Protein backbone atom coordinates (compact mmCIF):
# COMPACT_ATOMS: atom_id res chain seq x y z
CA MET A 1 123.05 102.02 -10.79
CA ILE A 2 125.19 99.44 -12.41
CA THR A 3 123.79 96.02 -12.18
CA LYS A 4 126.05 92.98 -11.78
CA LYS A 5 126.67 91.30 -15.10
CA LYS A 6 125.04 87.86 -15.24
CA LYS A 7 127.54 85.01 -15.52
CA LEU A 8 126.99 82.95 -18.64
CA SER A 9 126.41 79.27 -18.26
CA LYS A 10 128.67 76.69 -20.05
CA LYS A 11 125.78 75.94 -22.38
CA GLU A 12 125.33 79.61 -23.28
CA ILE A 13 129.04 79.94 -23.92
CA LYS A 14 129.04 76.98 -26.23
CA GLU A 15 126.02 78.32 -28.10
CA ASP A 16 127.65 81.73 -28.42
CA LYS A 17 130.86 80.18 -29.79
CA LEU A 18 128.83 78.07 -32.26
CA VAL A 19 127.03 81.21 -33.51
CA SER A 20 130.33 83.06 -33.93
CA PHE A 21 131.85 80.12 -35.75
CA MET A 22 128.91 79.80 -38.10
CA PHE A 23 129.01 83.55 -38.76
CA ARG A 24 132.69 83.29 -39.68
CA ILE A 25 132.03 80.36 -41.99
CA GLU A 26 129.28 82.33 -43.74
CA HIS A 27 131.43 85.41 -43.95
CA PHE A 28 134.37 83.26 -45.42
CA TYR A 29 132.05 81.65 -47.95
CA GLU A 30 130.60 84.97 -49.13
CA LYS A 31 134.03 86.42 -49.41
CA TYR A 32 135.61 83.53 -51.29
CA LYS A 33 132.55 82.06 -52.99
CA SER A 34 133.79 82.53 -56.55
CA LYS A 35 137.14 81.00 -55.76
CA LEU A 36 135.63 78.02 -53.92
CA MET A 37 133.39 77.33 -56.82
CA LEU A 38 136.32 77.60 -59.20
CA TYR A 39 138.48 75.22 -57.10
CA GLY A 40 135.58 72.88 -56.70
CA GLY A 41 135.11 72.82 -60.39
CA ILE A 42 138.72 72.06 -60.90
CA LEU A 43 138.63 69.27 -58.40
CA VAL A 44 135.65 67.66 -60.21
CA VAL A 45 137.51 67.95 -63.51
CA ALA A 46 140.66 66.40 -61.93
CA ILE A 47 138.66 63.49 -60.52
CA ALA A 48 137.00 62.91 -63.89
CA ALA A 49 140.30 63.13 -65.71
CA ALA A 50 141.88 60.62 -63.34
CA TYR A 51 138.91 58.25 -63.74
CA PHE A 52 139.18 58.56 -67.55
CA TYR A 53 142.94 58.01 -67.51
CA ILE A 54 142.73 54.84 -65.29
CA ASN A 55 140.01 53.40 -67.53
CA LYS A 56 141.98 54.23 -70.63
CA GLN A 57 145.11 52.63 -69.23
CA ASP A 58 143.15 49.44 -68.41
CA GLU A 59 141.87 49.36 -71.94
CA LEU A 60 145.34 49.83 -73.41
CA ASN A 61 146.83 47.24 -71.05
CA ASN A 62 144.26 44.67 -72.26
CA ARG A 63 145.03 45.46 -75.79
CA ALA A 64 148.82 45.06 -75.11
CA SER A 65 148.10 41.71 -73.51
CA LEU A 66 146.24 40.55 -76.59
CA GLU A 67 149.03 41.78 -78.91
CA LEU A 68 151.69 40.14 -76.78
CA SER A 69 149.90 36.78 -76.69
CA ARG A 70 149.83 36.82 -80.51
CA VAL A 71 153.58 37.27 -80.87
CA MET A 72 154.82 34.89 -78.11
CA ASN A 73 154.73 31.76 -80.20
CA ILE A 74 156.99 33.39 -82.75
CA PHE A 75 159.36 34.53 -80.00
CA ASP A 76 159.35 31.12 -78.34
CA SER A 77 160.16 29.41 -81.73
CA GLY A 78 163.35 31.46 -81.98
CA SER A 79 162.30 33.65 -84.85
CA TYR A 80 163.48 36.77 -83.01
CA LEU A 81 163.57 39.22 -85.90
CA GLU A 82 160.03 38.32 -86.89
CA ALA A 83 158.93 38.62 -83.22
CA ILE A 84 160.50 42.11 -83.26
CA GLU A 85 158.95 43.34 -86.51
CA GLY A 86 155.79 41.35 -86.64
CA ARG A 87 154.31 39.10 -89.36
CA GLN A 88 153.26 40.88 -92.48
CA GLY A 89 149.72 40.15 -93.68
CA THR A 90 148.56 39.02 -90.23
CA ASN A 91 147.36 40.67 -87.10
CA ILE A 92 150.71 40.04 -85.37
CA ILE A 93 152.24 43.48 -84.99
CA GLY A 94 155.52 42.51 -83.30
CA LEU A 95 157.19 43.46 -80.02
CA LYS A 96 158.64 46.74 -81.28
CA ARG A 97 155.28 48.21 -82.17
CA ILE A 98 153.76 46.86 -79.02
CA VAL A 99 156.30 48.82 -77.00
CA GLU A 100 155.74 51.92 -79.15
CA GLU A 101 151.99 51.85 -78.78
CA TYR A 102 151.53 50.40 -75.28
CA GLY A 103 154.83 50.96 -73.53
CA SER A 104 153.13 52.95 -70.72
CA THR A 105 151.09 49.93 -69.65
CA GLU A 106 152.14 46.99 -67.52
CA ASN A 107 151.92 44.59 -70.42
CA GLY A 108 153.72 47.08 -72.61
CA GLU A 109 156.58 47.15 -70.04
CA THR A 110 156.65 43.38 -70.20
CA ALA A 111 156.96 43.54 -73.99
CA LYS A 112 160.14 45.61 -73.45
CA ILE A 113 161.83 42.68 -71.71
CA TYR A 114 160.99 40.31 -74.53
CA LEU A 115 162.04 42.92 -77.09
CA ALA A 116 165.32 43.47 -75.31
CA ASN A 117 165.84 39.63 -75.12
CA ALA A 118 165.15 39.37 -78.83
CA TYR A 119 167.68 41.98 -79.69
CA SER A 120 170.19 40.35 -77.35
CA TYR A 121 169.77 36.96 -79.02
CA LEU A 122 170.35 38.62 -82.39
CA GLY A 123 173.59 40.18 -81.09
CA ASN A 124 172.24 43.74 -81.14
CA TYR A 125 173.36 44.53 -77.51
CA GLU A 126 173.01 48.28 -77.73
CA LYS A 127 169.29 48.09 -78.52
CA ALA A 128 168.84 45.31 -75.98
CA PHE A 129 170.45 47.45 -73.26
CA LYS A 130 168.19 50.39 -74.18
CA TYR A 131 165.05 48.41 -73.50
CA TYR A 132 166.37 46.68 -70.42
CA GLU A 133 167.24 50.09 -69.00
CA GLU A 134 163.85 51.51 -69.89
CA TYR A 135 161.87 48.81 -68.13
CA SER A 136 159.83 50.39 -65.38
CA GLY A 137 157.07 47.87 -64.77
CA SER A 138 156.04 46.49 -61.38
CA ILE A 139 156.63 42.79 -61.94
CA ASP A 140 159.69 41.72 -59.90
CA ILE A 141 160.83 38.85 -62.07
CA TYR A 142 161.08 41.24 -65.02
CA LYS A 143 162.89 43.77 -62.89
CA ALA A 144 165.45 41.04 -62.21
CA SER A 145 165.63 40.18 -65.92
CA ALA A 146 166.23 43.78 -66.81
CA LEU A 147 169.11 44.10 -64.29
CA ALA A 148 170.65 40.85 -65.53
CA GLY A 149 170.34 42.00 -69.05
CA MET A 150 172.19 45.27 -68.34
CA ALA A 151 174.77 43.19 -66.36
CA GLY A 152 175.41 41.11 -69.42
CA TYR A 153 175.94 44.20 -71.49
CA TYR A 154 178.54 45.64 -69.04
CA ALA A 155 180.30 42.34 -68.76
CA ALA A 156 180.75 42.30 -72.54
CA LYS A 157 182.27 45.75 -72.27
CA ASN A 158 184.69 44.40 -69.59
CA LYS A 159 183.11 46.59 -66.96
CA TYR A 160 183.25 43.70 -64.53
CA GLU A 161 182.51 45.36 -61.24
CA LYS A 162 179.39 47.10 -62.56
CA ALA A 163 178.22 43.79 -64.14
CA ALA A 164 178.84 42.01 -60.93
CA ASP A 165 176.83 44.51 -58.92
CA LEU A 166 173.87 44.31 -61.25
CA TYR A 167 173.82 40.51 -61.32
CA LYS A 168 173.92 40.41 -57.52
CA ASN A 169 171.04 42.93 -57.43
CA ALA A 170 169.07 40.83 -59.87
CA ALA A 171 169.46 37.75 -57.54
CA ASN A 172 168.04 39.79 -54.64
CA ILE A 173 164.86 40.99 -56.35
CA VAL A 174 162.84 37.79 -56.03
CA GLU A 175 163.48 35.28 -53.23
CA ILE A 176 162.33 32.30 -55.28
CA ASN A 177 163.53 32.61 -58.83
CA ALA A 178 165.02 29.76 -60.86
CA GLN A 179 167.54 32.29 -62.30
CA ASN A 180 169.02 33.27 -58.98
CA PRO A 181 171.83 30.78 -58.87
CA ASP A 182 172.93 31.73 -62.39
CA TYR A 183 172.70 35.46 -61.51
CA LEU A 184 174.92 34.76 -58.39
CA LEU A 185 177.37 32.70 -60.42
CA ASN A 186 177.64 35.43 -63.07
CA SER A 187 178.12 37.99 -60.25
CA ALA A 188 180.87 36.00 -58.60
CA LEU A 189 182.65 35.42 -61.85
CA ASN A 190 182.54 39.18 -62.66
CA TYR A 191 183.77 40.07 -59.19
CA TYR A 192 186.67 37.66 -59.78
CA ASN A 193 187.40 39.24 -63.09
CA ALA A 194 187.33 42.66 -61.37
CA GLY A 195 189.94 41.47 -58.85
CA ASP A 196 187.53 41.22 -55.93
CA LYS A 197 188.20 37.64 -54.84
CA ASP A 198 186.68 38.11 -51.40
CA GLU A 199 183.25 39.02 -52.76
CA ALA A 200 183.55 36.26 -55.41
CA ARG A 201 184.26 33.76 -52.66
CA ILE A 202 181.30 34.75 -50.60
CA LEU A 203 178.95 34.31 -53.54
CA PHE A 204 180.46 30.95 -54.57
CA GLU A 205 179.95 29.80 -51.02
CA LYS A 206 176.39 31.02 -51.03
CA ILE A 207 175.65 28.99 -54.19
CA LYS A 208 177.02 25.91 -52.52
CA GLU A 209 174.88 26.39 -49.45
CA ASP A 210 171.62 27.76 -50.85
CA TYR A 211 171.48 26.21 -54.35
CA SER A 212 173.20 22.87 -53.93
CA THR A 213 170.96 21.16 -56.58
CA SER A 214 171.25 23.88 -59.20
CA ASN A 215 173.32 23.70 -62.38
CA ALA A 216 175.36 26.66 -61.20
CA ARG A 217 176.59 24.51 -58.29
CA ARG A 218 178.42 22.08 -60.52
CA ASP A 219 181.45 24.28 -61.23
CA VAL A 220 181.57 26.15 -57.99
CA ASP A 221 184.39 24.03 -56.52
CA LYS A 222 186.53 24.72 -59.51
CA TYR A 223 186.03 28.47 -59.11
CA LEU A 224 186.56 28.40 -55.41
CA ALA A 225 189.94 26.74 -56.07
CA LEU A 226 190.74 29.75 -58.28
CA VAL A 227 189.82 32.39 -55.70
CA ASN A 228 191.60 30.52 -52.94
CA SER A 229 194.81 30.06 -54.81
């Protein structure tokens, strides 16, 4: 005689599912144990490598900061070639070497801007452009400086529209930046030289409205007369 099958309770169903699930996990682990151990080992190595890299970068960044602080007095004094090459017989290694040795750090990236500026002041615009273009740091004011530096290079090459776009982008990087009115003025002038009077007019008007006390404001009316003629 076939007896009626007992209906399982919700609790028994849950317990049965849990047993089955645990069995499947055990089976999966036994089947892939060697691979799991390998991948686990790889993960540990990757975490250790990342930790080592971050600490190494911090150390290099601190060294770059020290080297940069040593050369800044020379740069600020206007001795740009010495700032680039360093001072022989001292511990001042110069901006070029700081970039070579620490260029992957934040302070090494900052050194690129000063190195580019130094080359620009010496009239070596090709090298200046190279380092402006290579800047990839995270400090916004230096991002703006890099864009403006590249803009100046293109303006000297009579590539006015490209220069104008870069100057305008530089002015939009940081909301409060003492250089913004000058960036906008240079952008407007380059748009004017490129034949885009409408864009030039917009920027001249912006300088009048937003930067009325700036040095850039002084000649705006004269330039507006040109674009409106």
